[in-house]
Amino acid sequence: AALAGEGLCGFAGLRGGAGGSTGAGERCRVSVAPSGREGGCGCSPTAPRKRPNRRIHPSPPEAAKKEPPMRNIAFKLMYNGTNYHGWQVQKTHATVAETLEKSLSSLCGEKIKLTGCGRTDAGVHAERYVANFRTGCTIPCDRFPLAVNARLPEDIVVSQAVEVDEGFNAIGSCLKKEYTYRIFNSRIRNPFYVHRAYFYPKRLDEAVMDRAARAFEGTHDFRAVRSVGTETRTTVRTIHYCRVARSGDLLELKVCADGFLYNMVRAITGTVLYCAEGKLAAEDVPVILASGNRTLAGPTVPPGGLYLTRLWYEDERLNE
């Protein structure tokens, strides 16, 4: 029987030699503290020390990576429009905007949406065009042209990229535009002007054409020289100048305005050609404009001779 104040440790050990170890079949007696706790007997295997119960605090979440600030980038570009159905993205035809957006999206690693300075028609060219887009990519502006041109077909070229104000919009910020219509006036066709100038073999009097062109200058309702197809809030525009000049066999009609209606420049050119042919007179132009009747004006000439040649913005970098 256990002595009072003693208990068995429950470990059966073998009594070996000296040292007083417990023998077989015997249990070590250990003192039991009044609290009921056992003291150490030294004969049981060492129990693992119980670690203090520490609360494991989850590591604070990593600070969210800061997104790079969005930049507003404006491109100056030029393109030969022969192979494109105009600037604006369309579902079933290749366009300049669609081609450029795909290349930019691949380069920047994000979907890019361009805003152009205007809608050029199918087959119309641009010697100067401005489009802007917003992006979080960090490509420096001076590297953009070479980087994107490497992904573009050879008939579209970006010449410069500049970072512009957040509120800049290529079409809304444009103050005025200049279009040039080119006529190759020779009896012999020139293959290098195919789809790039209107071939007109009959000799034209540039003085008569210039007089008729000047009759379009000023603020007027230009419904008589637009094609139906795009609705606008108003058909009133201001033409700052409209002139015709010759250089050898090449005639150029240049017209600058604060805005243009659908096919407006091509219809003006057709009307000026009618004046050169004697079918109309320069004095008829104000009457035609006042009537608003499209059938009284000249025809809409082919698109291949039309170029967007100049733009004006408050940001002088885009005017250079």
Protein backbone atom coordinates (compact mmCIF):
# COMPACT_ATOMS: atom_id res chain seq x y z
CA ALA A 1 0.00 0.00 0.00
CA ALA A 2 1.17 3.42 -0.78
CA LEU A 3 2.29 5.50 2.12
CA ALA A 4 0.31 8.55 2.98
CA GLY A 5 1.45 11.43 0.96
CA GLU A 6 2.90 9.11 -1.62
CA GLY A 7 1.61 7.84 -4.93
CA LEU A 8 2.81 5.64 -7.76
CA CYS A 9 4.32 7.26 -10.80
CA GLY A 10 2.94 4.47 -12.93
CA PHE A 11 6.26 3.70 -14.61
CA ALA A 12 7.54 0.17 -14.16
CA GLY A 13 11.28 0.12 -14.36
CA LEU A 14 13.84 -2.61 -13.88
CA ARG A 15 15.98 -2.54 -10.76
CA GLY A 16 19.45 -2.77 -12.02
CA GLY A 17 22.47 -2.37 -9.97
CA ALA A 18 23.36 0.42 -7.71
CA GLY A 19 21.56 3.60 -8.11
CA GLY A 20 18.33 2.48 -6.48
CA SER A 21 16.24 2.15 -9.64
CA THR A 22 12.95 0.42 -9.27
CA GLY A 23 12.80 -3.23 -10.08
CA ALA A 24 10.56 -5.28 -12.28
CA GLY A 25 6.99 -5.43 -11.17
CA GLU A 26 7.49 -2.57 -8.79
CA ARG A 27 6.38 0.94 -9.26
CA CYS A 28 8.21 4.01 -8.17
CA ARG A 29 6.69 5.87 -5.31
CA VAL A 30 6.64 9.58 -5.67
CA SER A 31 5.48 12.23 -3.37
CA VAL A 32 2.15 13.78 -4.18
CA ALA A 33 1.79 17.41 -3.37
CA PRO A 34 -1.28 18.51 -1.50
CA SER A 35 -2.52 20.19 -4.65
CA GLY A 36 -2.56 16.83 -6.34
CA ARG A 37 0.41 17.51 -8.58
CA GLU A 38 3.14 14.99 -8.86
CA GLY A 39 6.71 15.80 -8.26
CA GLY A 40 9.30 14.54 -10.66
CA CYS A 41 10.56 11.07 -10.03
CA GLY A 42 13.23 11.00 -12.66
CA CYS A 43 12.36 7.51 -13.87
CA SER A 44 9.68 8.27 -16.45
CA PRO A 45 10.71 9.28 -19.96
CA THR A 46 11.09 13.01 -20.27
CA ALA A 47 7.74 14.40 -21.42
CA PRO A 48 7.88 17.10 -24.08
CA ARG A 49 7.78 20.53 -22.56
CA LYS A 50 4.54 22.23 -23.22
CA ARG A 51 5.06 25.44 -25.16
CA PRO A 52 3.25 28.52 -23.93
CA ASN A 53 -0.02 29.12 -25.76
CA ARG A 54 0.97 31.99 -28.01
CA ARG A 55 -1.59 33.60 -30.27
CA ILE A 56 -0.48 33.48 -33.86
CA HIS A 57 -1.28 36.80 -35.45
CA PRO A 58 -1.73 36.63 -39.22
CA SER A 59 0.83 38.67 -41.06
CA PRO A 60 -0.64 41.91 -42.30
CA PRO A 61 -1.70 41.70 -45.93
CA GLU A 62 0.77 43.06 -48.41
CA ALA A 63 0.07 46.59 -49.38
CA ALA A 64 -1.90 46.60 -52.60
CA LYS A 65 0.34 47.37 -55.50
CA LYS A 66 -0.25 50.87 -56.69
CA GLU A 67 -1.55 51.04 -60.22
CA PRO A 68 0.52 53.34 -62.44
CA PRO A 69 -1.25 56.63 -63.11
CA MET A 70 -3.21 56.81 -66.35
CA ARG A 71 -1.56 58.97 -68.99
CA ASN A 72 -3.27 60.77 -71.87
CA ILE A 73 -1.09 60.26 -74.94
CA ALA A 74 -1.57 62.03 -78.28
CA PHE A 75 -0.14 60.54 -81.47
CA LYS A 76 0.72 62.46 -84.60
CA LEU A 77 0.44 60.05 -87.50
CA MET A 78 -0.02 59.75 -91.26
CA TYR A 79 -1.54 57.07 -93.43
CA ASN A 80 -2.32 56.03 -96.97
CA GLY A 81 -6.03 55.25 -96.84
CA THR A 82 -6.26 53.14 -100.02
CA ASN A 83 -6.54 49.82 -98.19
CA TYR A 84 -8.84 51.04 -95.41
CA HIS A 85 -12.53 51.74 -95.05
CA GLY A 86 -11.86 55.06 -93.39
CA TRP A 87 -10.68 55.87 -89.89
CA GLN A 88 -13.59 54.76 -87.70
CA VAL A 89 -13.75 51.18 -86.39
CA GLN A 90 -16.30 49.06 -88.27
CA LYS A 91 -17.53 45.50 -87.81
CA THR A 92 -16.95 44.18 -91.31
CA HIS A 93 -14.15 46.30 -92.84
CA ALA A 94 -10.53 47.03 -92.01
CA THR A 95 -10.04 50.58 -90.78
CA VAL A 96 -7.11 52.71 -89.68
CA ALA A 97 -8.33 53.01 -86.07
CA GLU A 98 -8.88 49.27 -85.70
CA THR A 99 -5.42 48.48 -87.08
CA LEU A 100 -3.72 50.99 -84.78
CA GLU A 101 -5.72 49.93 -81.71
CA LYS A 102 -4.73 46.28 -82.15
CA SER A 103 -1.05 47.19 -82.42
CA LEU A 104 -1.19 49.50 -79.40
CA SER A 105 -3.08 46.97 -77.27
CA SER A 106 -0.41 44.37 -78.02
CA LEU A 107 2.35 46.83 -77.17
CA CYS A 108 0.82 48.21 -73.96
CA GLY A 109 -0.59 44.93 -72.65
CA GLU A 110 -4.05 46.43 -72.21
CA LYS A 111 -7.06 47.26 -74.37
CA ILE A 112 -6.56 50.64 -76.05
CA LYS A 113 -9.38 52.82 -77.37
CA LEU A 114 -8.41 55.69 -79.68
CA THR A 115 -10.15 59.01 -80.19
CA GLY A 116 -9.39 60.44 -83.63
CA CYS A 117 -9.52 64.05 -84.79
CA GLY A 118 -12.18 63.19 -87.38
CA ARG A 119 -13.73 60.52 -89.57
CA THR A 120 -11.99 60.22 -92.90
CA ASP A 121 -13.92 58.29 -95.55
CA ALA A 122 -12.87 55.06 -97.24
CA GLY A 123 -9.84 55.63 -99.46
CA VAL A 124 -9.05 59.10 -98.02
CA HIS A 125 -5.48 59.80 -96.88
CA ALA A 126 -3.94 61.79 -94.03
CA GLU A 127 -0.61 63.59 -94.13
CA ARG A 128 -1.37 64.84 -90.64
CA TYR A 129 -3.70 63.16 -88.18
CA VAL A 130 -3.96 63.31 -84.37
CA ALA A 131 -5.44 60.63 -82.12
CA ASN A 132 -5.28 60.27 -78.34
CA PHE A 133 -5.71 57.41 -75.88
CA ARG A 134 -5.37 56.72 -72.17
CA THR A 135 -2.98 54.11 -70.86
CA GLY A 136 -1.30 52.92 -67.69
CA CYS A 137 1.79 51.66 -69.51
CA THR A 138 5.08 53.39 -68.77
CA ILE A 139 6.67 53.45 -72.22
CA PRO A 140 8.39 56.84 -72.64
CA CYS A 141 6.82 59.06 -75.29
CA ASP A 142 10.02 59.27 -77.31
CA ARG A 143 10.01 55.46 -77.65
CA PHE A 144 6.38 55.05 -78.64
CA PRO A 145 6.74 55.78 -82.40
CA LEU A 146 9.42 53.18 -83.10
CA ALA A 147 7.78 50.61 -80.84
CA VAL A 148 4.32 50.86 -82.37
CA ASN A 149 5.55 51.29 -85.97
CA ALA A 150 7.26 47.90 -85.68
CA ARG A 151 3.78 46.40 -85.22
CA LEU A 152 1.98 48.42 -87.92
CA PRO A 153 1.64 47.84 -91.67
CA GLU A 154 3.79 50.14 -93.77
CA ASP A 155 0.89 52.37 -94.88
CA ILE A 156 0.31 53.69 -91.33
CA VAL A 157 3.11 55.57 -89.52
CA VAL A 158 3.22 57.24 -86.11
CA SER A 159 5.62 60.20 -86.26
CA GLN A 160 5.43 61.56 -82.70
CA ALA A 161 3.88 60.90 -79.29
CA VAL A 162 3.32 63.55 -76.62
CA GLU A 163 1.69 63.43 -73.19
CA VAL A 164 -1.21 65.87 -73.08
CA ASP A 165 -3.56 67.28 -70.45
CA GLU A 166 -6.19 64.98 -68.97
CA GLY A 167 -8.98 66.96 -70.63
CA PHE A 168 -7.46 66.80 -74.12
CA ASN A 169 -9.62 65.18 -76.79
CA ALA A 170 -8.33 64.86 -80.37
CA ILE A 171 -11.62 65.87 -81.97
CA GLY A 172 -13.11 68.11 -79.28
CA SER A 173 -9.88 70.08 -78.79
CA CYS A 174 -9.27 70.60 -82.52
CA LEU A 175 -9.75 74.26 -83.48
CA LYS A 176 -9.77 73.84 -87.27
CA LYS A 177 -8.64 71.52 -90.05
CA GLU A 178 -7.33 71.77 -93.57
CA TYR A 179 -8.14 69.30 -96.34
CA THR A 180 -6.42 69.23 -99.71
CA TYR A 181 -7.93 67.72 -102.85
CA ARG A 182 -5.42 66.87 -105.59
CA ILE A 183 -6.25 66.64 -109.29
CA PHE A 184 -3.78 65.30 -111.82
CA ASN A 185 -4.66 67.42 -114.86
CA SER A 186 -2.89 65.87 -117.84
CA ARG A 187 -3.82 64.05 -121.02
CA ILE A 188 -1.53 61.17 -120.04
CA ARG A 189 -2.25 59.19 -116.92
CA ASN A 190 0.47 58.92 -114.26
CA PRO A 191 0.57 55.50 -112.54
CA PHE A 192 2.13 56.98 -109.41
CA TYR A 193 -1.02 59.04 -108.82
CA VAL A 194 -3.43 56.08 -109.00
CA HIS A 195 -5.63 56.28 -105.85
CA ARG A 196 -3.63 59.36 -104.84
CA ALA A 197 -4.98 62.05 -107.17
CA TYR A 198 -8.06 62.44 -109.36
CA PHE A 199 -7.06 61.94 -112.99
CA TYR A 200 -8.76 64.62 -115.11
CA PRO A 201 -7.53 64.73 -118.74
CA LYS A 202 -9.45 67.82 -119.88
CA ARG A 203 -7.50 71.05 -119.41
CA LEU A 204 -8.77 73.02 -116.42
CA ASP A 205 -8.55 76.78 -115.84
CA GLU A 206 -7.25 77.18 -112.30
CA ALA A 207 -8.24 80.87 -112.20
CA VAL A 208 -11.90 80.00 -112.82
CA MET A 209 -11.69 77.24 -110.23
CA ASP A 210 -10.08 79.53 -107.64
CA ARG A 211 -12.83 82.12 -108.09
CA ALA A 212 -15.51 79.48 -107.59
CA ALA A 213 -13.71 78.05 -104.55
CA ARG A 214 -13.53 81.45 -102.84
CA ALA A 215 -17.33 81.71 -103.10
CA PHE A 216 -17.57 79.01 -100.42
CA GLU A 217 -15.64 81.04 -97.84
CA GLY A 218 -17.45 82.37 -94.79
CA THR A 219 -20.12 81.03 -92.43
CA HIS A 220 -22.91 79.22 -94.26
CA ASP A 221 -25.32 76.33 -94.05
CA PHE A 222 -23.54 73.69 -96.15
CA ARG A 223 -26.39 71.20 -96.52
CA ALA A 224 -26.17 71.56 -100.31
CA VAL A 225 -22.66 70.09 -100.37
CA ARG A 226 -22.97 67.17 -98.01
CA SER A 227 -24.00 63.56 -98.47
CA VAL A 228 -26.73 62.08 -96.31
CA GLY A 229 -25.39 59.47 -93.92
CA THR A 230 -24.24 61.18 -90.72
CA GLU A 231 -26.60 63.16 -88.54
CA THR A 232 -25.25 66.39 -87.04
CA ARG A 233 -26.68 68.93 -84.67
CA THR A 234 -26.15 71.71 -87.21
CA THR A 235 -24.99 71.95 -90.81
CA VAL A 236 -23.60 75.46 -90.37
CA ARG A 237 -19.82 75.68 -90.69
CA THR A 238 -17.23 78.42 -91.14
CA ILE A 239 -14.76 78.08 -94.01
CA HIS A 240 -11.68 80.23 -93.33
CA TYR A 241 -10.23 79.81 -96.81
CA CYS A 242 -10.90 77.80 -99.95
CA ARG A 243 -8.35 78.24 -102.75
CA VAL A 244 -7.11 76.50 -105.88
CA ALA A 245 -3.50 76.58 -107.15
CA ARG A 246 -1.57 74.75 -109.86
CA SER A 247 1.93 73.25 -109.83
CA GLY A 248 2.65 71.74 -113.24
CA ASP A 249 0.00 69.12 -113.94
CA LEU A 250 -1.10 68.97 -110.32
CA LEU A 251 -4.00 71.11 -109.12
CA GLU A 252 -4.69 71.48 -105.41
CA LEU A 253 -7.88 72.73 -103.78
CA LYS A 254 -7.16 73.63 -100.14
CA VAL A 255 -10.02 74.30 -97.74
CA CYS A 256 -9.75 75.16 -94.05
CA ALA A 257 -12.79 75.18 -91.74
CA ASP A 258 -13.84 74.77 -88.13
CA GLY A 259 -15.52 71.52 -89.11
CA PHE A 260 -16.70 69.50 -92.10
CA LEU A 261 -19.84 67.61 -93.04
CA TYR A 262 -19.94 64.15 -94.60
CA ASN A 263 -18.32 64.32 -98.09
CA MET A 264 -18.34 68.14 -97.91
CA VAL A 265 -14.88 68.71 -99.43
CA ARG A 266 -15.47 66.23 -102.25
CA ALA A 267 -18.80 67.89 -103.09
CA ILE A 268 -17.20 71.35 -103.03
CA THR A 269 -14.49 70.09 -105.40
CA GLY A 270 -17.10 68.62 -107.73
CA THR A 271 -18.95 71.95 -107.78
CA VAL A 272 -15.72 73.85 -108.53
CA LEU A 273 -15.01 71.43 -111.40
CA TYR A 274 -18.50 72.10 -112.80
CA CYS A 275 -17.64 75.81 -112.79
CA ALA A 276 -14.40 75.07 -114.69
CA GLU A 277 -16.39 73.08 -117.25
CA GLY A 278 -18.92 75.91 -117.70
CA LYS A 279 -21.82 73.95 -116.27
CA LEU A 280 -21.99 76.36 -113.33
CA ALA A 281 -20.60 79.83 -112.55
CA ALA A 282 -18.91 81.13 -109.42
CA GLU A 283 -21.93 83.41 -108.95
CA ASP A 284 -24.15 80.34 -108.65
CA VAL A 285 -22.43 79.10 -105.50
CA PRO A 286 -24.20 81.44 -103.01
CA VAL A 287 -27.56 80.53 -104.57
CA ILE A 288 -26.81 76.82 -104.29
CA LEU A 289 -25.79 77.16 -100.64
CA ALA A 290 -28.90 79.18 -99.80
CA SER A 291 -31.14 76.54 -101.40
CA GLY A 292 -29.76 73.67 -99.34
CA ASN A 293 -30.47 71.46 -102.36
CA ARG A 294 -27.79 68.83 -102.95
CA THR A 295 -28.90 68.20 -106.53
CA LEU A 296 -27.99 71.76 -107.58
CA ALA A 297 -24.31 71.37 -106.66
CA GLY A 298 -21.63 69.38 -108.48
CA PRO A 299 -20.89 65.66 -108.04
CA THR A 300 -18.97 64.02 -105.24
CA VAL A 301 -15.50 63.38 -106.66
CA PRO A 302 -13.55 60.14 -105.89
CA PRO A 303 -11.91 59.78 -102.46
CA GLY A 304 -8.36 58.98 -103.62
CA GLY A 305 -7.46 62.63 -104.22
CA LEU A 306 -8.45 63.80 -100.73
CA TYR A 307 -5.93 64.35 -97.90
CA LEU A 308 -6.16 65.70 -94.38
CA THR A 309 -3.14 68.01 -94.44
CA ARG A 310 -3.17 70.30 -91.42
CA LEU A 311 -4.62 70.62 -87.90
CA TRP A 312 -4.70 73.38 -85.30
CA TYR A 313 -4.66 72.93 -81.51
CA GLU A 314 -3.97 75.11 -78.48
CA ASP A 315 -1.12 72.73 -77.67
CA GLU A 316 1.51 74.00 -80.10
CA ARG A 317 3.41 70.70 -80.05
CA LEU A 318 0.62 69.20 -82.14
CA ASN A 319 0.77 71.99 -84.71
CA GLU A 320 4.41 71.50 -85.66
